[in-house]
C-alpha atoms as a PDB file:
ATOM      1  CA  MET A   1     155.593  46.992 109.814  1.00  0.00           C
ATOM      2  CA  LYS A   2     155.349  50.423 108.584  1.00  0.00           C
ATOM      3  CA  SER A   3     153.615  50.552 105.542  1.00  0.00           C
ATOM      4  CA  VAL A   4     153.028  53.263 103.308  1.00  0.00           C
ATOM      5  CA  LEU A   5     150.224  54.355 100.464  1.00  0.00           C
ATOM      6  CA  LEU A   6     151.335  56.700  97.511  1.00  0.00           C
ATOM      7  CA  SER A   7     150.368  58.432  94.787  1.00  0.00           C
ATOM      8  CA  THR A   8     152.050  57.093  91.046  1.00  0.00           C
ATOM      9  CA  ALA A   9     154.060  59.770  90.012  1.00  0.00           C
ATOM     10  CA  TYR A  10     156.012  61.347  87.153  1.00  0.00           C
ATOM     11  CA  LEU A  11     159.526  60.353  87.785  1.00  0.00           C
ATOM     12  CA  PRO A  12     158.136  61.496  92.070  1.00  0.00           C
ATOM     13  CA  PRO A  13     160.620  64.501  93.884  1.00  0.00           C
ATOM     14  CA  ILE A  14     163.710  62.437  96.209  1.00  0.00           C
ATOM     15  CA  ALA A  15     161.135  63.256  98.817  1.00  0.00           C
ATOM     16  CA  TRP A  16     158.933  59.810  97.398  1.00  0.00           C
ATOM     17  CA  PHE A  17     161.611  57.478  97.163  1.00  0.00           C
ATOM     18  CA  GLN A  18     162.518  58.419 100.606  1.00  0.00           C
ATOM     19  CA  GLN A  19     159.291  57.917 102.337  1.00  0.00           C
ATOM     20  CA  ALA A  20     159.705  54.985 100.106  1.00  0.00           C
ATOM     21  CA  LEU A  21     162.677  53.260 101.508  1.00  0.00           C
ATOM     22  CA  ASP A  22     161.894  54.526 104.967  1.00  0.00           C
ATOM     23  CA  ALA A  23     158.695  51.950 104.568  1.00  0.00           C
ATOM     24  CA  GLU A  24     158.799  48.498 105.090  1.00  0.00           C
ATOM     25  CA  GLU A  25     156.118  47.996 102.428  1.00  0.00           C
ATOM     26  CA  VAL A  26     155.167  50.307  99.401  1.00  0.00           C
ATOM     27  CA  TRP A  27     151.389  50.560  97.723  1.00  0.00           C
ATOM     28  CA  ILE A  28     150.975  52.759  95.301  1.00  0.00           C
ATOM     29  CA  GLU A  29     147.231  54.064  94.657  1.00  0.00           C
ATOM     30  CA  LYS A  30     145.997  52.241  91.233  1.00  0.00           C
ATOM     31  CA  GLU A  31     141.926  52.544  92.238  1.00  0.00           C
ATOM     32  CA  GLU A  32     141.047  56.523  92.554  1.00  0.00           C
ATOM     33  CA  ASN A  33     139.815  59.170  90.802  1.00  0.00           C
ATOM     34  CA  TYR A  34     142.899  61.981  88.962  1.00  0.00           C
ATOM     35  CA  LEU A  35     143.812  64.607  90.329  1.00  0.00           C
ATOM     36  CA  LYS A  36     145.370  67.840  88.553  1.00  0.00           C
ATOM     37  CA  GLN A  37     148.366  70.347  89.256  1.00  0.00           C
ATOM     38  CA  SER A  38     149.951  67.755  90.924  1.00  0.00           C
ATOM     39  CA  TYR A  39     152.828  65.345  90.738  1.00  0.00           C
ATOM     40  CA  ARG A  40     150.650  62.505  88.974  1.00  0.00           C
ATOM     41  CA  ASN A  41     151.707  63.663  85.241  1.00  0.00           C
ATOM     42  CA  ARG A  42     154.606  66.539  86.469  1.00  0.00           C
ATOM     43  CA  CYS A  43     157.378  66.232  87.589  1.00  0.00           C
ATOM     44  CA  LYS A  44     160.388  69.353  88.380  1.00  0.00           C
ATOM     45  CA  ILE A  45     163.995  70.012  87.089  1.00  0.00           C
ATOM     46  CA  LEU A  46     166.562  72.173  87.012  1.00  0.00           C
ATOM     47  CA  GLY A  47     167.761  73.265  83.793  1.00  0.00           C
ATOM     48  CA  ALA A  48     170.116  76.160  82.053  1.00  0.00           C
ATOM     49  CA  GLN A  49     166.751  78.480  82.155  1.00  0.00           C
ATOM     50  CA  GLY A  50     166.108  77.589  86.112  1.00  0.00           C
ATOM     51  CA  LEU A  51     163.512  75.969  87.606  1.00  0.00           C
ATOM     52  CA  GLN A  52     161.495  73.726  84.703  1.00  0.00           C
ATOM     53  CA  ASP A  53     158.230  71.825  85.375  1.00  0.00           C
ATOM     54  CA  LEU A  54     157.913  69.145  82.444  1.00  0.00           C
ATOM     55  CA  SER A  55     153.834  67.858  82.395  1.00  0.00           C
ATOM     56  CA  ILE A  56     152.369  65.360  80.626  1.00  0.00           C
ATOM     57  CA  PRO A  57     149.248  66.474  78.723  1.00  0.00           C
ATOM     58  CA  VAL A  58     145.682  63.622  79.148  1.00  0.00           C
ATOM     59  CA  GLN A  59     143.643  63.223  77.366  1.00  0.00           C
ATOM     60  CA  HIS A  60     139.474  61.645  78.767  1.00  0.00           C
ATOM     61  CA  LEU A  61     136.509  61.244  78.687  1.00  0.00           C
ATOM     62  CA  GLN A  62     134.765  61.769  82.013  1.00  0.00           C
ATOM     63  CA  SER A  63     134.897  64.267  84.612  1.00  0.00           C
ATOM     64  CA  LYS A  64     136.637  62.649  87.577  1.00  0.00           C
ATOM     65  CA  PRO A  65     137.750  59.718  85.333  1.00  0.00           C
ATOM     66  CA  LYS A  66     140.350  56.194  87.508  1.00  0.00           C
ATOM     67  CA  ILE A  67     144.287  57.094  87.354  1.00  0.00           C
ATOM     68  CA  THR A  68     144.359  54.247  85.702  1.00  0.00           C
ATOM     69  CA  GLU A  69     141.775  55.275  82.513  1.00  0.00           C
ATOM     70  CA  LEU A  70     144.176  58.558  81.427  1.00  0.00           C
ATOM     71  CA  SER A  71     146.113  58.618  78.155  1.00  0.00           C
ATOM     72  CA  SER A  72     148.287  61.176  76.319  1.00  0.00           C
ATOM     73  CA  ASP A  73     147.890  64.163  74.370  1.00  0.00           C
ATOM     74  CA  GLU A  74     150.045  63.029  72.197  1.00  0.00           C
ATOM     75  CA  SER A  75     149.111  66.196  69.902  1.00  0.00           C
ATOM     76  CA  GLN A  76     151.406  68.167  71.957  1.00  0.00           C
ATOM     77  CA  ALA A  77     154.782  66.353  71.384  1.00  0.00           C
ATOM     78  CA  TRP A  78     155.523  66.761  74.187  1.00  0.00           C
ATOM     79  CA  LYS A  79     157.789  63.327  74.600  1.00  0.00           C
ATOM     80  CA  ARG A  80     160.195  65.106  71.861  1.00  0.00           C
ATOM     81  CA  ILE A  81     159.711  68.318  74.469  1.00  0.00           C
ATOM     82  CA  HIS A  82     160.117  66.743  77.252  1.00  0.00           C
ATOM     83  CA  TRP A  83     163.139  64.266  77.330  1.00  0.00           C
ATOM     84  CA  GLN A  84     164.914  67.522  75.015  1.00  0.00           C
ATOM     85  CA  ALA A  85     164.304  69.375  78.402  1.00  0.00           C
ATOM     86  CA  ILE A  86     166.372  66.538  79.568  1.00  0.00           C
ATOM     87  CA  GLN A  87     169.119  66.503  77.823  1.00  0.00           C
ATOM     88  CA  SER A  88     169.462  69.974  78.115  1.00  0.00           C
ATOM     89  CA  ALA A  89     169.412  70.174  81.614  1.00  0.00           C
ATOM     90  CA  TYR A  90     171.171  66.486  82.411  1.00  0.00           C
ATOM     91  CA  GLY A  91     173.597  65.879  79.511  1.00  0.00           C
ATOM     92  CA  LYS A  92     176.757  67.617  80.886  1.00  0.00           C
ATOM     93  CA  SER A  93     175.669  66.051  84.458  1.00  0.00           C
ATOM     94  CA  PRO A  94     178.697  62.866  85.190  1.00  0.00           C
ATOM     95  CA  PHE A  95     176.076  60.499  84.595  1.00  0.00           C
ATOM     96  CA  PHE A  96     174.204  61.059  82.375  1.00  0.00           C
ATOM     97  CA  ILE A  97     175.915  59.298  79.642  1.00  0.00           C
ATOM     98  CA  HIS A  98     175.784  55.803  82.379  1.00  0.00           C
ATOM     99  CA  TYR A  99     172.136  55.950  82.602  1.00  0.00           C
ATOM    100  CA  ALA A 100     170.356  57.573  79.483  1.00  0.00           C
ATOM    101  CA  HIS A 101     169.719  54.389  78.019  1.00  0.00           C
ATOM    102  CA  ARG A 102     167.508  53.228  80.436  1.00  0.00           C
ATOM    103  CA  ILE A 103     165.209  56.381  80.597  1.00  0.00           C
ATOM    104  CA  GLU A 104     165.340  57.931  76.186  1.00  0.00           C
ATOM    105  CA  PRO A 105     163.540  54.247  75.197  1.00  0.00           C
ATOM    106  CA  TYR A 106     160.366  55.856  76.784  1.00  0.00           C
ATOM    107  CA  TYR A 107     160.267  59.658  75.078  1.00  0.00           C
ATOM    108  CA  LEU A 108     160.623  57.332  71.678  1.00  0.00           C
ATOM    109  CA  THR A 109     157.588  55.480  71.377  1.00  0.00           C
ATOM    110  CA  LYS A 110     155.278  57.625  69.347  1.00  0.00           C
ATOM    111  CA  GLN A 111     151.717  55.336  70.968  1.00  0.00           C
ATOM    112  CA  VAL A 112     149.704  57.345  72.948  1.00  0.00           C
ATOM    113  CA  ILE A 113     150.928  56.135  76.797  1.00  0.00           C
ATOM    114  CA  ASN A 114     149.079  54.948  79.514  1.00  0.00           C
ATOM    115  CA  LEU A 115     150.496  57.665  82.113  1.00  0.00           C
ATOM    116  CA  TYR A 116     149.595  54.806  85.706  1.00  0.00           C
ATOM    117  CA  ASN A 117     151.829  52.822  83.082  1.00  0.00           C
ATOM    118  CA  PHE A 118     154.367  55.229  81.699  1.00  0.00           C
ATOM    119  CA  ASN A 119     154.551  56.627  85.708  1.00  0.00           C
ATOM    120  CA  PHE A 120     155.373  53.052  87.079  1.00  0.00           C
ATOM    121  CA  GLY A 121     157.852  51.454  84.559  1.00  0.00           C
ATOM    122  CA  LEU A 122     159.876  55.014  84.853  1.00  0.00           C
ATOM    123  CA  ILE A 123     159.930  54.221  89.006  1.00  0.00           C
ATOM    124  CA  GLN A 124     160.386  51.170  88.857  1.00  0.00           C
ATOM    125  CA  GLU A 125     163.583  51.799  85.620  1.00  0.00           C
ATOM    126  CA  VAL A 126     164.968  54.157  88.417  1.00  0.00           C
ATOM    127  CA  SER A 127     164.626  51.952  91.100  1.00  0.00           C
ATOM    128  CA  GLN A 128     166.532  48.970  88.961  1.00  0.00           C
ATOM    129  CA  ALA A 129     169.637  51.172  88.156  1.00  0.00           C
ATOM    130  CA  LEU A 130     169.821  52.943  91.333  1.00  0.00           C
ATOM    131  CA  LYS A 131     169.890  49.427  92.868  1.00  0.00           C
ATOM    132  CA  LEU A 132     166.782  50.411  95.761  1.00  0.00           C
ATOM    133  CA  GLY A 133     165.552  47.022  95.747  1.00  0.00           C
ATOM    134  CA  LEU A 134     162.065  48.153  95.906  1.00  0.00           C
ATOM    135  CA  THR A 135     158.958  46.336  95.825  1.00  0.00           C
ATOM    136  CA  LEU A 136     155.591  48.285  94.899  1.00  0.00           C
ATOM    137  CA  LYS A 137     152.212  46.894  95.710  1.00  0.00           C
ATOM    138  CA  GLU A 138     149.686  47.335  94.179  1.00  0.00           C
ATOM    139  CA  THR A 139     146.118  48.688  95.486  1.00  0.00           C
ATOM    140  CA  THR A 140     142.390  46.665  94.525  1.00  0.00           C
ATOM    141  CA  ASP A 141     140.090  48.660  96.356  1.00  0.00           C
ATOM    142  CA  PHE A 142     139.836  52.650  97.090  1.00  0.00           C
ATOM    143  CA  GLU A 143     140.127  53.724 100.999  1.00  0.00           C
ATOM    144  CA  LYS A 144     139.807  56.905 101.908  1.00  0.00           C
ATOM    145  CA  ALA A 145     140.888  57.034 104.618  1.00  0.00           C
ATOM    146  CA  PRO A 146     143.562  54.016 105.146  1.00  0.00           C
ATOM    147  CA  GLU A 147     143.730  51.740 109.119  1.00  0.00           C
ATOM    148  CA  ASP A 148     147.040  50.129 108.419  1.00  0.00           C
ATOM    149  CA  LYS A 149     148.962  53.063 106.014  1.00  0.00           C
ATOM    150  CA  ILE A 150     150.298  55.822 106.044  1.00  0.00           C
ATOM    151  CA  ASP A 151     148.143  57.539 103.913  1.00  0.00           C
ATOM    152  CA  LEU A 152     150.965  59.756 101.804  1.00  0.00           C
ATOM    153  CA  ARG A 153     149.431  60.232  98.358  1.00  0.00           C
ATOM    154  CA  ASN A 154     148.817  63.649  98.869  1.00  0.00           C
ATOM    155  CA  HIS A 155     151.451  64.323 100.959  1.00  0.00           C
ATOM    156  CA  PHE A 156     153.564  65.900  97.886  1.00  0.00           C
ATOM    157  CA  LEU A 157     153.022  69.205  96.801  1.00  0.00           C
ATOM    158  CA  ALA A 158     153.383  69.823  93.005  1.00  0.00           C
ATOM    159  CA  LYS A 159     152.755  73.938  93.021  1.00  0.00           C
ATOM    160  CA  GLY A 160     154.904  76.400  93.208  1.00  0.00           C
ATOM    161  CA  ASN A 161     159.355  75.714  93.811  1.00  0.00           C
ATOM    162  CA  PRO A 162     159.374  71.649  95.491  1.00  0.00           C
ATOM    163  CA  ARG A 163     159.306  71.439  98.956  1.00  0.00           C
ATOM    164  CA  GLU A 164     162.743  71.174 101.171  1.00  0.00           C
ATOM    165  CA  ASP A 165     160.241  70.173 104.233  1.00  0.00           C
ATOM    166  CA  GLU A 166     158.444  67.597 102.560  1.00  0.00           C
ATOM    167  CA  LEU A 167     162.568  64.967 103.168  1.00  0.00           C
ATOM    168  CA  ILE A 168     163.107  62.893 105.365  1.00  0.00           C
ATOM    169  CA  VAL A 169     166.545  63.853 105.369  1.00  0.00           C
ATOM    170  CA  SER A 170     167.922  66.663 103.147  1.00  0.00           C
ATOM    171  CA  LYS A 171     171.344  66.532 102.050  1.00  0.00           C
ATOM    172  CA  LYS A 172     173.021  68.681  99.778  1.00  0.00           C
ATOM    173  CA  TYR A 173     174.937  67.272  96.304  1.00  0.00           C
ATOM    174  CA  TYR A 174     175.710  68.570  92.219  1.00  0.00           C
ATOM    175  CA  GLN A 175     174.075  70.408  90.551  1.00  0.00           C
ATOM    176  CA  SER A 176     174.567  71.662  87.468  1.00  0.00           C
ATOM    177  CA  PHE A 177     174.718  75.383  86.529  1.00  0.00           C
ATOM    178  CA  PRO A 178     176.262  76.463  90.191  1.00  0.00           C
ATOM    179  CA  GLU A 179     177.635  79.547  89.037  1.00  0.00           C
ATOM    180  CA  LYS A 180     173.501  80.783  87.751  1.00  0.00           C
ATOM    181  CA  TYR A 181     171.560  78.923  90.614  1.00  0.00           C
ATOM    182  CA  ALA A 182     171.569  77.795  94.264  1.00  0.00           C
ATOM    183  CA  PHE A 183     171.328  74.203  95.386  1.00  0.00           C
ATOM    184  CA  MET A 184     167.813  73.889  94.609  1.00  0.00           C
ATOM    185  CA  PRO A 185     166.554  70.586  96.803  1.00  0.00           C
ATOM    186  CA  ASN A 186     163.463  67.776  96.551  1.00  0.00           C
ATOM    187  CA  LEU A 187     163.479  68.132  92.470  1.00  0.00           C
ATOM    188  CA  SER A 188     162.947  64.357  90.397  1.00  0.00           C
ATOM    189  CA  ILE A 189     164.946  61.665  90.604  1.00  0.00           C
ATOM    190  CA  LEU A 190     166.413  61.942  87.441  1.00  0.00           C
ATOM    191  CA  ASP A 191     168.691  65.154  89.633  1.00  0.00           C
ATOM    192  CA  LEU A 192     169.966  62.697  92.361  1.00  0.00           C
ATOM    193  CA  LEU A 193     170.097  60.262  89.033  1.00  0.00           C
ATOM    194  CA  PHE A 194     172.368  61.712  86.921  1.00  0.00           C
ATOM    195  CA  HIS A 195     174.373  63.579  89.615  1.00  0.00           C
ATOM    196  CA  GLN A 196     175.346  61.367  92.083  1.00  0.00           C
ATOM    197  CA  GLY A 197     174.594  58.287  90.521  1.00  0.00           C
ATOM    198  CA  PRO A 198     175.410  54.440  92.355  1.00  0.00           C
ATOM    199  CA  ALA A 199     175.365  57.365  95.161  1.00  0.00           C
ATOM    200  CA  ALA A 200     172.355  58.521  94.640  1.00  0.00           C
ATOM    201  CA  ILE A 201     170.972  55.885  97.592  1.00  0.00           C
ATOM    202  CA  SER A 202     173.171  57.785 100.719  1.00  0.00           C
ATOM    203  CA  PHE A 203     170.891  60.628 100.166  1.00  0.00           C
ATOM    204  CA  LEU A 204     167.865  58.241 100.057  1.00  0.00           C
ATOM    205  CA  LYS A 205     168.105  56.191 102.844  1.00  0.00           C
END
């Protein structure tokens, strides 16, 4: 049985979902310490002004907090900023009207969010919207070098442009603003969701 171990991620890149769907068992790391400048609290979208990093500002009281102990810093109005950026980038895409109502509520709450729970909810929302059939298990102990799982916790690099070499299979599809930008692979799953809708699964499996 192919079992993969993934870190949590904020609206993960396409490669994250490809790896999850390529496995028979998917584990999400719940016991690790938070790692800065990773997909754990950021995603990448392509808008009218080009590649855009959306990063959730977090607050913590410890130097090495557990991923489940991180809360959002609501002093920066990041939810409004992120949702406006998503609307601007994908508002005219073919399937935005079909799926936006599933994503928007996550950005309407004024409460402080727990990063891990927020990510987990969005991953499940996308999985259900695209009928991916993902069953996610959560770790209960931290293993530095797991023997029975393929360790992909630090496989996806969030620095710079999204990396095409992280994809199991790279396929082009229509993206907004083709007159301004060349196709950009391995963006946030939102890019595939809003541009391909139900056909997205053929780019993931």
